[in-house]
Amino acid sequence: MVGIKFDFIVDKEACFAYWAQLLVHRKRFWAIDREYEYYRQLAGVLNELEKTAVGRLQLIFDNDKNGSWLPNRYISSGFRTLEERESWQLIRSALNAKFEEVWQRESPALYSWQSTLSNYSLSEFEPVLNKIANFWGIGSFSRTVRVKLFFYWRNDFTQGYSYRGVKDFIFLGISHMDPRGVVRVLSTLIHEVTHLFENESPLSREAFMEFISVLYGANLEKEEPDWRYLFNESIIKSIASGGPVEDYVFRSIFGGKTKLKSPESEPVVRSKETHNSQILWIVPKILDATTAYIDNDKRIDRGYVEEVAAAWIELRGLMKQAADNR
């Protein structure tokens, strides 16, 4: 049985870490240049001390080989060394004045969303969460999940992610989200909870290996270094997408409460597509299978995996065809 209590948190220091890292123009799969430009513009012209702090932060990222430093700031984990702590304190002090201006602008929305989500009745989700957990082979999942609310520049989309190995934490970027978009926020929340299920699933690794074996037969297994991400994310978005496309959660919980529609025709496939656009093409292809498995209390198995693989093989074939026709 699933028994989750959500603790919605506004953590000023975690928000500082998120804002500060946006001043370092890094390529990140979840962030785009417009987000960087928005918060960089809010910061205004940096003085020499602030520029030095941003440079120091850049060095931290350059030396962070496993990518754990920033998540540790978000989850309020400790520092690995005294030098690391002192370096962060210098950065925090140098950028504080700029951050306070942004905080005064962004934090009221965070506290408003904290109140909205804390007071929202989530009991209607429990039967569906139990079914989703069962799909991943999870028999029991009981804990308090910390959901920290962060800045985010878009008003039509909620940024969310969780970290493999951290069993009780979800990131929601939400400060500019239209208050009328609560359905999308809740869908993103369920999307991230589903990631927590998948992270602990006894079936997940075997399902992925079966997926790769099917791709091997189509000579696709070596084509893409990120198959694990694409496999998991396409399945989880078919369960809860956060709003871009119809998904299982919208069908089962939010039916009649959203204007989302399935596309009337398939989008034209280009020779090169972003990971996200590929995933959003896959989701409608596998949605009926996802719905049938979850509603009928079936667990992910080879039959389901073959449905997912068939969709990816079809997509990659169309992408190759588009490339050949150029």
C-alpha atoms as a PDB file:
ATOM      1  CA  MET A   1       0.000   0.000   0.000  1.00  0.00           C
ATOM      2  CA  VAL A   2       1.092   3.550  -0.729  1.00  0.00           C
ATOM      3  CA  GLY A   3       1.007   5.940   2.186  1.00  0.00           C
ATOM      4  CA  ILE A   4       2.643   9.242   1.249  1.00  0.00           C
ATOM      5  CA  LYS A   5       2.527  12.469   3.198  1.00  0.00           C
ATOM      6  CA  PHE A   6       3.733  15.491   1.243  1.00  0.00           C
ATOM      7  CA  ASP A   7       5.599  18.217   3.103  1.00  0.00           C
ATOM      8  CA  PHE A   8       5.640  21.328   0.883  1.00  0.00           C
ATOM      9  CA  ILE A   9       8.648  23.449   1.817  1.00  0.00           C
ATOM     10  CA  VAL A  10       9.938  26.901   0.912  1.00  0.00           C
ATOM     11  CA  ASP A  11      13.669  26.763   1.636  1.00  0.00           C
ATOM     12  CA  LYS A  12      15.406  30.100   1.091  1.00  0.00           C
ATOM     13  CA  GLU A  13      18.918  28.630   1.071  1.00  0.00           C
ATOM     14  CA  ALA A  14      17.973  25.939  -1.454  1.00  0.00           C
ATOM     15  CA  CYS A  15      16.432  28.657  -3.632  1.00  0.00           C
ATOM     16  CA  PHE A  16      19.664  30.631  -3.395  1.00  0.00           C
ATOM     17  CA  ALA A  17      21.603  27.624  -4.671  1.00  0.00           C
ATOM     18  CA  TYR A  18      19.193  27.239  -7.592  1.00  0.00           C
ATOM     19  CA  TRP A  19      19.361  30.943  -8.479  1.00  0.00           C
ATOM     20  CA  ALA A  20      23.147  31.163  -8.106  1.00  0.00           C
ATOM     21  CA  GLN A  21      23.803  28.204 -10.404  1.00  0.00           C
ATOM     22  CA  LEU A  22      21.735  29.923 -13.100  1.00  0.00           C
ATOM     23  CA  LEU A  23      24.310  32.731 -13.131  1.00  0.00           C
ATOM     24  CA  VAL A  24      26.788  30.163 -14.416  1.00  0.00           C
ATOM     25  CA  HIS A  25      25.858  29.566 -18.042  1.00  0.00           C
ATOM     26  CA  ARG A  26      26.092  25.776 -18.159  1.00  0.00           C
ATOM     27  CA  LYS A  27      24.446  23.360 -20.552  1.00  0.00           C
ATOM     28  CA  ARG A  28      21.903  21.330 -18.616  1.00  0.00           C
ATOM     29  CA  PHE A  29      19.314  19.040 -20.153  1.00  0.00           C
ATOM     30  CA  TRP A  30      16.524  20.463 -17.959  1.00  0.00           C
ATOM     31  CA  ALA A  31      17.328  24.155 -18.396  1.00  0.00           C
ATOM     32  CA  ILE A  32      17.353  26.299 -21.521  1.00  0.00           C
ATOM     33  CA  ASP A  33      18.978  29.568 -22.454  1.00  0.00           C
ATOM     34  CA  ARG A  34      15.796  31.580 -21.888  1.00  0.00           C
ATOM     35  CA  GLU A  35      15.745  30.540 -18.222  1.00  0.00           C
ATOM     36  CA  TYR A  36      19.382  31.558 -17.830  1.00  0.00           C
ATOM     37  CA  GLU A  37      18.738  34.856 -19.608  1.00  0.00           C
ATOM     38  CA  TYR A  38      15.665  35.633 -17.485  1.00  0.00           C
ATOM     39  CA  TYR A  39      17.383  35.249 -14.116  1.00  0.00           C
ATOM     40  CA  ARG A  40      20.650  36.716 -15.381  1.00  0.00           C
ATOM     41  CA  GLN A  41      18.763  39.824 -16.443  1.00  0.00           C
ATOM     42  CA  LEU A  42      17.081  40.038 -13.033  1.00  0.00           C
ATOM     43  CA  ALA A  43      20.511  39.981 -11.407  1.00  0.00           C
ATOM     44  CA  GLY A  44      21.582  43.053 -13.356  1.00  0.00           C
ATOM     45  CA  VAL A  45      25.198  44.115 -13.791  1.00  0.00           C
ATOM     46  CA  LEU A  46      27.566  42.193 -11.515  1.00  0.00           C
ATOM     47  CA  ASN A  47      30.329  44.003  -9.651  1.00  0.00           C
ATOM     48  CA  GLU A  48      33.833  42.562  -9.422  1.00  0.00           C
ATOM     49  CA  LEU A  49      33.175  40.743  -6.138  1.00  0.00           C
ATOM     50  CA  GLU A  50      30.033  39.146  -7.578  1.00  0.00           C
ATOM     51  CA  LYS A  51      31.855  38.157 -10.767  1.00  0.00           C
ATOM     52  CA  THR A  52      34.533  36.493  -8.647  1.00  0.00           C
ATOM     53  CA  ALA A  53      31.834  34.569  -6.753  1.00  0.00           C
ATOM     54  CA  VAL A  54      30.281  33.334 -10.000  1.00  0.00           C
ATOM     55  CA  GLY A  55      33.738  32.287 -11.192  1.00  0.00           C
ATOM     56  CA  ARG A  56      34.290  30.388  -7.952  1.00  0.00           C
ATOM     57  CA  LEU A  57      30.956  28.625  -8.450  1.00  0.00           C
ATOM     58  CA  GLN A  58      31.992  27.719 -12.001  1.00  0.00           C
ATOM     59  CA  LEU A  59      35.096  26.012 -10.598  1.00  0.00           C
ATOM     60  CA  ILE A  60      32.933  24.006  -8.202  1.00  0.00           C
ATOM     61  CA  PHE A  61      30.852  22.693 -11.105  1.00  0.00           C
ATOM     62  CA  ASP A  62      33.966  21.990 -13.180  1.00  0.00           C
ATOM     63  CA  ASN A  63      35.303  19.782 -10.361  1.00  0.00           C
ATOM     64  CA  ASP A  64      31.982  18.123  -9.525  1.00  0.00           C
ATOM     65  CA  LYS A  65      32.517  14.961 -11.540  1.00  0.00           C
ATOM     66  CA  ASN A  66      29.477  13.006 -10.323  1.00  0.00           C
ATOM     67  CA  GLY A  67      27.052  15.935 -10.327  1.00  0.00           C
ATOM     68  CA  SER A  68      26.150  15.621  -6.638  1.00  0.00           C
ATOM     69  CA  TRP A  69      27.180  19.038  -5.355  1.00  0.00           C
ATOM     70  CA  LEU A  70      24.062  20.976  -6.420  1.00  0.00           C
ATOM     71  CA  PRO A  71      21.525  18.317  -5.372  1.00  0.00           C
ATOM     72  CA  ASN A  72      23.227  18.281  -1.968  1.00  0.00           C
ATOM     73  CA  ARG A  73      22.506  22.002  -1.641  1.00  0.00           C
ATOM     74  CA  TYR A  74      18.861  21.418  -2.550  1.00  0.00           C
ATOM     75  CA  ILE A  75      18.326  18.639  -0.016  1.00  0.00           C
ATOM     76  CA  SER A  76      20.286  20.515   2.675  1.00  0.00           C
ATOM     77  CA  SER A  77      22.976  17.875   2.873  1.00  0.00           C
ATOM     78  CA  GLY A  78      26.258  18.693   4.547  1.00  0.00           C
ATOM     79  CA  PHE A  79      29.509  19.714   2.900  1.00  0.00           C
ATOM     80  CA  ARG A  80      32.213  17.158   2.169  1.00  0.00           C
ATOM     81  CA  THR A  81      35.103  19.319   3.354  1.00  0.00           C
ATOM     82  CA  LEU A  82      35.732  22.477   5.376  1.00  0.00           C
ATOM     83  CA  GLU A  83      37.161  24.100   2.242  1.00  0.00           C
ATOM     84  CA  GLU A  84      33.943  23.382   0.377  1.00  0.00           C
ATOM     85  CA  ARG A  85      31.877  24.958   3.158  1.00  0.00           C
ATOM     86  CA  GLU A  86      34.048  28.073   3.320  1.00  0.00           C
ATOM     87  CA  SER A  87      33.976  28.497  -0.464  1.00  0.00           C
ATOM     88  CA  TRP A  88      30.173  28.315  -0.468  1.00  0.00           C
ATOM     89  CA  GLN A  89      29.938  30.838   2.367  1.00  0.00           C
ATOM     90  CA  LEU A  90      32.045  33.308   0.362  1.00  0.00           C
ATOM     91  CA  ILE A  91      29.782  32.839  -2.668  1.00  0.00           C
ATOM     92  CA  ARG A  92      26.676  33.207  -0.520  1.00  0.00           C
ATOM     93  CA  SER A  93      27.940  36.434   1.059  1.00  0.00           C
ATOM     94  CA  ALA A  94      29.088  38.024  -2.204  1.00  0.00           C
ATOM     95  CA  LEU A  95      25.807  37.363  -4.038  1.00  0.00           C
ATOM     96  CA  ASN A  96      23.453  38.021  -1.134  1.00  0.00           C
ATOM     97  CA  ALA A  97      22.378  41.556  -2.110  1.00  0.00           C
ATOM     98  CA  LYS A  98      21.462  40.505  -5.651  1.00  0.00           C
ATOM     99  CA  PHE A  99      19.656  37.422  -4.375  1.00  0.00           C
ATOM    100  CA  GLU A 100      17.590  39.383  -1.861  1.00  0.00           C
ATOM    101  CA  GLU A 101      16.142  41.482  -4.678  1.00  0.00           C
ATOM    102  CA  VAL A 102      15.088  38.346  -6.530  1.00  0.00           C
ATOM    103  CA  TRP A 103      13.828  36.691  -3.341  1.00  0.00           C
ATOM    104  CA  GLN A 104      11.539  39.611  -2.544  1.00  0.00           C
ATOM    105  CA  ARG A 105      10.108  39.340  -6.033  1.00  0.00           C
ATOM    106  CA  GLU A 106       9.735  35.541  -6.265  1.00  0.00           C
ATOM    107  CA  SER A 107       9.075  34.303  -2.725  1.00  0.00           C
ATOM    108  CA  PRO A 108       5.455  35.535  -2.316  1.00  0.00           C
ATOM    109  CA  ALA A 109       4.388  33.182  -5.105  1.00  0.00           C
ATOM    110  CA  LEU A 110       6.288  30.311  -3.489  1.00  0.00           C
ATOM    111  CA  TYR A 111       4.494  30.832  -0.182  1.00  0.00           C
ATOM    112  CA  SER A 112       1.161  31.114  -1.993  1.00  0.00           C
ATOM    113  CA  TRP A 113       1.761  27.792  -3.767  1.00  0.00           C
ATOM    114  CA  GLN A 114       2.903  26.241  -0.491  1.00  0.00           C
ATOM    115  CA  SER A 115      -0.455  27.164   1.052  1.00  0.00           C
ATOM    116  CA  THR A 116      -2.444  25.989  -1.987  1.00  0.00           C
ATOM    117  CA  LEU A 117      -0.741  22.610  -2.184  1.00  0.00           C
ATOM    118  CA  SER A 118      -0.680  22.023   1.577  1.00  0.00           C
ATOM    119  CA  ASN A 119      -4.426  22.623   1.752  1.00  0.00           C
ATOM    120  CA  TYR A 120      -5.304  20.608  -1.354  1.00  0.00           C
ATOM    121  CA  SER A 121      -7.043  17.309  -0.655  1.00  0.00           C
ATOM    122  CA  LEU A 122      -4.796  14.633  -2.109  1.00  0.00           C
ATOM    123  CA  SER A 123      -6.877  11.679  -0.926  1.00  0.00           C
ATOM    124  CA  GLU A 124      -8.332  11.174  -4.424  1.00  0.00           C
ATOM    125  CA  PHE A 125      -4.820  10.294  -5.615  1.00  0.00           C
ATOM    126  CA  GLU A 126      -4.324   7.343  -3.276  1.00  0.00           C
ATOM    127  CA  PRO A 127      -6.128   4.648  -5.329  1.00  0.00           C
ATOM    128  CA  VAL A 128      -4.314   5.731  -8.497  1.00  0.00           C
ATOM    129  CA  LEU A 129      -0.933   5.911  -6.745  1.00  0.00           C
ATOM    130  CA  ASN A 130      -1.492   2.378  -5.470  1.00  0.00           C
ATOM    131  CA  LYS A 131      -2.156   1.192  -9.008  1.00  0.00           C
ATOM    132  CA  ILE A 132       0.911   2.996 -10.364  1.00  0.00           C
ATOM    133  CA  ALA A 133       3.083   1.547  -7.589  1.00  0.00           C
ATOM    134  CA  ASN A 134       1.778  -1.937  -8.389  1.00  0.00           C
ATOM    135  CA  PHE A 135       2.688  -1.439 -12.068  1.00  0.00           C
ATOM    136  CA  TRP A 136       6.318  -1.033 -10.937  1.00  0.00           C
ATOM    137  CA  GLY A 137       6.092  -4.006  -8.576  1.00  0.00           C
ATOM    138  CA  ILE A 138       6.048  -1.839  -5.438  1.00  0.00           C
ATOM    139  CA  GLY A 139       4.026  -3.470  -2.664  1.00  0.00           C
ATOM    140  CA  SER A 140       4.624  -0.921   0.078  1.00  0.00           C
ATOM    141  CA  PHE A 141       5.679   2.720  -0.123  1.00  0.00           C
ATOM    142  CA  SER A 142       5.127   4.699   3.073  1.00  0.00           C
ATOM    143  CA  ARG A 143       7.038   7.896   3.903  1.00  0.00           C
ATOM    144  CA  THR A 144       6.954  11.657   4.118  1.00  0.00           C
ATOM    145  CA  VAL A 145       8.196  13.183   0.880  1.00  0.00           C
ATOM    146  CA  ARG A 146       9.797  16.616   1.072  1.00  0.00           C
ATOM    147  CA  VAL A 147       8.613  18.729  -1.850  1.00  0.00           C
ATOM    148  CA  LYS A 148      10.709  21.887  -2.067  1.00  0.00           C
ATOM    149  CA  LEU A 149       9.356  24.778  -4.105  1.00  0.00           C
ATOM    150  CA  PHE A 150      11.785  26.719  -6.293  1.00  0.00           C
ATOM    151  CA  PHE A 151      11.954  29.611  -8.699  1.00  0.00           C
ATOM    152  CA  TYR A 152      11.005  28.930 -12.307  1.00  0.00           C
ATOM    153  CA  TRP A 153      10.420  31.417 -15.092  1.00  0.00           C
ATOM    154  CA  ARG A 154       7.551  29.798 -17.026  1.00  0.00           C
ATOM    155  CA  ASN A 155       3.875  30.415 -16.221  1.00  0.00           C
ATOM    156  CA  ASP A 156       2.499  27.435 -18.158  1.00  0.00           C
ATOM    157  CA  PHE A 157       4.743  24.641 -16.953  1.00  0.00           C
ATOM    158  CA  THR A 158       6.098  23.292 -13.676  1.00  0.00           C
ATOM    159  CA  GLN A 159       9.677  22.057 -13.585  1.00  0.00           C
ATOM    160  CA  GLY A 160      10.101  18.915 -11.525  1.00  0.00           C
ATOM    161  CA  TYR A 161      12.736  16.334 -10.787  1.00  0.00           C
ATOM    162  CA  SER A 162      13.906  13.857  -8.213  1.00  0.00           C
ATOM    163  CA  TYR A 163      17.247  12.152  -7.659  1.00  0.00           C
ATOM    164  CA  ARG A 164      18.012   8.464  -7.866  1.00  0.00           C
ATOM    165  CA  GLY A 165      19.200   7.405  -4.422  1.00  0.00           C
ATOM    166  CA  VAL A 166      17.272  10.150  -2.575  1.00  0.00           C
ATOM    167  CA  LYS A 167      14.070   8.452  -1.498  1.00  0.00           C
ATOM    168  CA  ASP A 168      12.111  11.351  -0.029  1.00  0.00           C
ATOM    169  CA  PHE A 169      12.779  14.497  -2.079  1.00  0.00           C
ATOM    170  CA  ILE A 170      11.069  16.211  -5.022  1.00  0.00           C
ATOM    171  CA  PHE A 171      12.025  19.523  -6.668  1.00  0.00           C
ATOM    172  CA  LEU A 172       9.196  21.686  -8.063  1.00  0.00           C
ATOM    173  CA  GLY A 173      10.027  24.885  -9.959  1.00  0.00           C
ATOM    174  CA  ILE A 174       6.806  26.809  -9.621  1.00  0.00           C
ATOM    175  CA  SER A 175       7.159  30.512  -8.764  1.00  0.00           C
ATOM    176  CA  HIS A 176       5.706  31.867 -12.029  1.00  0.00           C
ATOM    177  CA  MET A 177       3.122  29.134 -12.592  1.00  0.00           C
ATOM    178  CA  ASP A 178      -0.377  30.471 -13.241  1.00  0.00           C
ATOM    179  CA  PRO A 179      -2.484  29.685 -10.118  1.00  0.00           C
ATOM    180  CA  ARG A 180      -5.138  28.286 -12.468  1.00  0.00           C
ATOM    181  CA  GLY A 181      -2.625  25.632 -13.512  1.00  0.00           C
ATOM    182  CA  VAL A 182      -2.927  23.547 -10.342  1.00  0.00           C
ATOM    183  CA  VAL A 183      -3.849  20.447 -12.376  1.00  0.00           C
ATOM    184  CA  ARG A 184      -0.551  20.614 -14.223  1.00  0.00           C
ATOM    185  CA  VAL A 185       1.330  21.125 -10.961  1.00  0.00           C
ATOM    186  CA  LEU A 186      -0.316  18.056  -9.444  1.00  0.00           C
ATOM    187  CA  SER A 187       0.404  16.037 -12.581  1.00  0.00           C
ATOM    188  CA  THR A 188       4.083  17.016 -12.307  1.00  0.00           C
ATOM    189  CA  LEU A 189       4.034  16.000  -8.649  1.00  0.00           C
ATOM    190  CA  ILE A 190       2.651  12.557  -9.551  1.00  0.00           C
ATOM    191  CA  HIS A 191       5.231  12.294 -12.347  1.00  0.00           C
ATOM    192  CA  GLU A 192       8.013  12.744  -9.805  1.00  0.00           C
ATOM    193  CA  VAL A 193       6.401  10.323  -7.335  1.00  0.00           C
ATOM    194  CA  THR A 194       6.347   7.792 -10.176  1.00  0.00           C
ATOM    195  CA  HIS A 195      10.090   8.332 -10.551  1.00  0.00           C
ATOM    196  CA  LEU A 196      10.445   7.476  -6.851  1.00  0.00           C
ATOM    197  CA  PHE A 197       8.522   4.246  -7.505  1.00  0.00           C
ATOM    198  CA  GLU A 198      10.690   3.393 -10.525  1.00  0.00           C
ATOM    199  CA  ASN A 199      13.871   4.101  -8.560  1.00  0.00           C
ATOM    200  CA  GLU A 200      12.913   1.380  -6.066  1.00  0.00           C
ATOM    201  CA  SER A 201      11.220  -0.985  -8.502  1.00  0.00           C
ATOM    202  CA  PRO A 202      12.428  -4.601  -8.471  1.00  0.00           C
ATOM    203  CA  LEU A 203      11.231  -4.842 -12.090  1.00  0.00           C
ATOM    204  CA  SER A 204      12.776  -1.723 -13.600  1.00  0.00           C
ATOM    205  CA  ARG A 205      16.239  -3.020 -14.492  1.00  0.00           C
ATOM    206  CA  GLU A 206      14.923  -6.248 -16.012  1.00  0.00           C
ATOM    207  CA  ALA A 207      12.368  -4.287 -18.057  1.00  0.00           C
ATOM    208  CA  PHE A 208      15.087  -2.025 -19.422  1.00  0.00           C
ATOM    209  CA  MET A 209      17.308  -4.965 -20.362  1.00  0.00           C
ATOM    210  CA  GLU A 210      14.361  -6.506 -22.240  1.00  0.00           C
ATOM    211  CA  PHE A 211      13.881  -3.172 -24.010  1.00  0.00           C
ATOM    212  CA  ILE A 212      17.534  -3.162 -25.093  1.00  0.00           C
ATOM    213  CA  SER A 213      17.244  -6.752 -26.313  1.00  0.00           C
ATOM    214  CA  VAL A 214      14.370  -5.759 -28.602  1.00  0.00           C
ATOM    215  CA  LEU A 215      16.357  -2.769 -29.890  1.00  0.00           C
ATOM    216  CA  TYR A 216      19.296  -5.103 -30.505  1.00  0.00           C
ATOM    217  CA  GLY A 217      17.151  -7.044 -32.936  1.00  0.00           C
ATOM    218  CA  ALA A 218      16.453  -3.796 -34.795  1.00  0.00           C
ATOM    219  CA  ASN A 219      20.129  -2.722 -34.710  1.00  0.00           C
ATOM    220  CA  LEU A 220      19.300   0.314 -32.575  1.00  0.00           C
ATOM    221  CA  GLU A 221      20.877  -0.567 -29.225  1.00  0.00           C
ATOM    222  CA  LYS A 222      24.118   1.376 -29.885  1.00  0.00           C
ATOM    223  CA  GLU A 223      22.484   4.310 -31.630  1.00  0.00           C
ATOM    224  CA  GLU A 224      21.653   6.259 -28.485  1.00  0.00           C
ATOM    225  CA  PRO A 225      23.698   6.618 -25.261  1.00  0.00           C
ATOM    226  CA  ASP A 226      20.641   7.763 -23.281  1.00  0.00           C
ATOM    227  CA  TRP A 227      18.268   4.838 -23.863  1.00  0.00           C
ATOM    228  CA  ARG A 228      17.731   4.328 -20.121  1.00  0.00           C
ATOM    229  CA  TYR A 229      16.517   7.896 -19.722  1.00  0.00           C
ATOM    230  CA  LEU A 230      14.350   7.761 -22.853  1.00  0.00           C
ATOM    231  CA  PHE A 231      12.822   4.421 -21.862  1.00  0.00           C
ATOM    232  CA  ASN A 232      11.938   5.460 -18.315  1.00  0.00           C
ATOM    233  CA  GLU A 233      10.829   8.964 -19.168  1.00  0.00           C
ATOM    234  CA  SER A 234       8.516   7.914 -22.006  1.00  0.00           C
ATOM    235  CA  ILE A 235       6.783   5.409 -19.728  1.00  0.00           C
ATOM    236  CA  ILE A 236       6.521   7.817 -16.817  1.00  0.00           C
ATOM    237  CA  LYS A 237       5.242  10.644 -19.035  1.00  0.00           C
ATOM    238  CA  SER A 238       2.568   8.286 -20.335  1.00  0.00           C
ATOM    239  CA  ILE A 239       1.545   7.910 -16.684  1.00  0.00           C
ATOM    240  CA  ALA A 240       1.822  11.596 -15.728  1.00  0.00           C
ATOM    241  CA  SER A 241       3.247  14.106 -18.191  1.00  0.00           C
ATOM    242  CA  GLY A 242       2.896  17.350 -16.269  1.00  0.00           C
ATOM    243  CA  GLY A 243       0.547  18.672 -18.936  1.00  0.00           C
ATOM    244  CA  PRO A 244       2.046  18.691 -22.441  1.00  0.00           C
ATOM    245  CA  VAL A 245       0.080  15.644 -23.632  1.00  0.00           C
ATOM    246  CA  GLU A 246      -2.784  13.443 -22.494  1.00  0.00           C
ATOM    247  CA  ASP A 247      -1.675  10.782 -20.022  1.00  0.00           C
ATOM    248  CA  TYR A 248      -3.016   8.143 -17.635  1.00  0.00           C
ATOM    249  CA  VAL A 249      -3.417  10.527 -14.707  1.00  0.00           C
ATOM    250  CA  PHE A 250      -5.421  13.031 -16.758  1.00  0.00           C
ATOM    251  CA  ARG A 251      -7.647  10.181 -17.917  1.00  0.00           C
ATOM    252  CA  SER A 252      -8.170   8.657 -14.485  1.00  0.00           C
ATOM    253  CA  ILE A 253      -8.161  11.629 -12.082  1.00  0.00           C
ATOM    254  CA  PHE A 254      -8.578  14.879 -13.983  1.00  0.00           C
ATOM    255  CA  GLY A 255     -11.019  13.826 -16.690  1.00  0.00           C
ATOM    256  CA  GLY A 256     -13.238  16.771 -17.554  1.00  0.00           C
ATOM    257  CA  LYS A 257     -11.065  19.189 -15.560  1.00  0.00           C
ATOM    258  CA  THR A 258      -8.566  20.014 -18.305  1.00  0.00           C
ATOM    259  CA  LYS A 259      -8.586  21.334 -21.843  1.00  0.00           C
ATOM    260  CA  LEU A 260      -5.767  19.067 -22.943  1.00  0.00           C
ATOM    261  CA  LYS A 261      -6.470  17.255 -26.176  1.00  0.00           C
ATOM    262  CA  SER A 262      -4.724  14.518 -28.049  1.00  0.00           C
ATOM    263  CA  PRO A 263      -3.250  15.771 -31.336  1.00  0.00           C
ATOM    264  CA  GLU A 264      -5.571  15.375 -34.323  1.00  0.00           C
ATOM    265  CA  SER A 265      -2.647  14.178 -36.420  1.00  0.00           C
ATOM    266  CA  GLU A 266       0.876  13.023 -35.732  1.00  0.00           C
ATOM    267  CA  PRO A 267       3.541  15.746 -35.846  1.00  0.00           C
ATOM    268  CA  VAL A 268       5.992  15.657 -38.730  1.00  0.00           C
ATOM    269  CA  VAL A 269       9.131  13.808 -37.664  1.00  0.00           C
ATOM    270  CA  ARG A 270      12.410  15.508 -38.512  1.00  0.00           C
ATOM    271  CA  SER A 271      15.809  13.910 -38.902  1.00  0.00           C
ATOM    272  CA  LYS A 272      16.883  15.394 -35.576  1.00  0.00           C
ATOM    273  CA  GLU A 273      14.559  15.761 -32.620  1.00  0.00           C
ATOM    274  CA  THR A 274      15.248  16.728 -29.017  1.00  0.00           C
ATOM    275  CA  HIS A 275      14.868  14.043 -26.390  1.00  0.00           C
ATOM    276  CA  ASN A 276      11.737  15.769 -25.101  1.00  0.00           C
ATOM    277  CA  SER A 277      10.074  15.988 -28.512  1.00  0.00           C
ATOM    278  CA  GLN A 278      10.820  12.299 -29.121  1.00  0.00           C
ATOM    279  CA  ILE A 279       9.286  11.351 -25.776  1.00  0.00           C
ATOM    280  CA  LEU A 280       6.173  13.419 -26.455  1.00  0.00           C
ATOM    281  CA  TRP A 281       5.797  11.605 -29.803  1.00  0.00           C
ATOM    282  CA  ILE A 282       6.065   8.229 -28.044  1.00  0.00           C
ATOM    283  CA  VAL A 283       3.556   8.910 -25.243  1.00  0.00           C
ATOM    284  CA  PRO A 284       0.335   8.761 -27.351  1.00  0.00           C
ATOM    285  CA  LYS A 285       1.648   5.566 -28.967  1.00  0.00           C
ATOM    286  CA  ILE A 286       1.929   3.737 -25.642  1.00  0.00           C
ATOM    287  CA  LEU A 287      -0.829   5.452 -23.633  1.00  0.00           C
ATOM    288  CA  ASP A 288      -3.477   2.799 -24.287  1.00  0.00           C
ATOM    289  CA  ALA A 289      -1.070   0.035 -23.213  1.00  0.00           C
ATOM    290  CA  THR A 290      -0.096   1.988 -20.093  1.00  0.00           C
ATOM    291  CA  THR A 291      -3.746   2.578 -19.218  1.00  0.00           C
ATOM    292  CA  ALA A 292      -4.690  -1.070 -19.744  1.00  0.00           C
ATOM    293  CA  TYR A 293      -1.820  -2.365 -17.618  1.00  0.00           C
ATOM    294  CA  ILE A 294      -2.423   0.007 -14.706  1.00  0.00           C
ATOM    295  CA  ASP A 295      -6.223  -0.275 -14.703  1.00  0.00           C
ATOM    296  CA  ASN A 296      -6.034  -4.087 -14.836  1.00  0.00           C
ATOM    297  CA  ASP A 297      -3.441  -4.225 -12.027  1.00  0.00           C
ATOM    298  CA  LYS A 298      -0.811  -5.697 -14.325  1.00  0.00           C
ATOM    299  CA  ARG A 299       2.880  -5.165 -13.658  1.00  0.00           C
ATOM    300  CA  ILE A 300       5.391  -4.044 -16.248  1.00  0.00           C
ATOM    301  CA  ASP A 301       6.486  -7.093 -18.228  1.00  0.00           C
ATOM    302  CA  ARG A 302       7.952  -8.077 -21.574  1.00  0.00           C
ATOM    303  CA  GLY A 303       4.633  -7.650 -23.363  1.00  0.00           C
ATOM    304  CA  TYR A 304       4.418  -4.020 -22.267  1.00  0.00           C
ATOM    305  CA  VAL A 305       8.109  -3.426 -22.969  1.00  0.00           C
ATOM    306  CA  GLU A 306       7.644  -4.699 -26.517  1.00  0.00           C
ATOM    307  CA  GLU A 307       4.899  -2.074 -27.024  1.00  0.00           C
ATOM    308  CA  VAL A 308       7.285   0.662 -25.893  1.00  0.00           C
ATOM    309  CA  ALA A 309      10.134  -0.679 -28.013  1.00  0.00           C
ATOM    310  CA  ALA A 310       7.915  -0.891 -31.103  1.00  0.00           C
ATOM    311  CA  ALA A 311       7.050   2.800 -30.749  1.00  0.00           C
ATOM    312  CA  TRP A 312      10.723   3.776 -30.444  1.00  0.00           C
ATOM    313  CA  ILE A 313      11.689   1.626 -33.423  1.00  0.00           C
ATOM    314  CA  GLU A 314       8.952   3.280 -35.488  1.00  0.00           C
ATOM    315  CA  LEU A 315      10.093   6.771 -34.459  1.00  0.00           C
ATOM    316  CA  ARG A 316      13.758   6.128 -35.188  1.00  0.00           C
ATOM    317  CA  GLY A 317      12.797   4.688 -38.555  1.00  0.00           C
ATOM    318  CA  LEU A 318      10.880   7.875 -39.407  1.00  0.00           C
ATOM    319  CA  MET A 319      13.813  10.010 -38.274  1.00  0.00           C
ATOM    320  CA  LYS A 320      16.174   8.011 -40.487  1.00  0.00           C
ATOM    321  CA  GLN A 321      13.776   8.338 -43.405  1.00  0.00           C
ATOM    322  CA  ALA A 322      13.635  12.105 -42.904  1.00  0.00           C
ATOM    323  CA  ALA A 323      17.434  12.219 -42.879  1.00  0.00           C
ATOM    324  CA  ASP A 324      17.649  10.167 -46.080  1.00  0.00           C
ATOM    325  CA  ASN A 325      15.183  12.476 -47.826  1.00  0.00           C
ATOM    326  CA  ARG A 326      17.069  15.665 -47.075  1.00  0.00           C
END
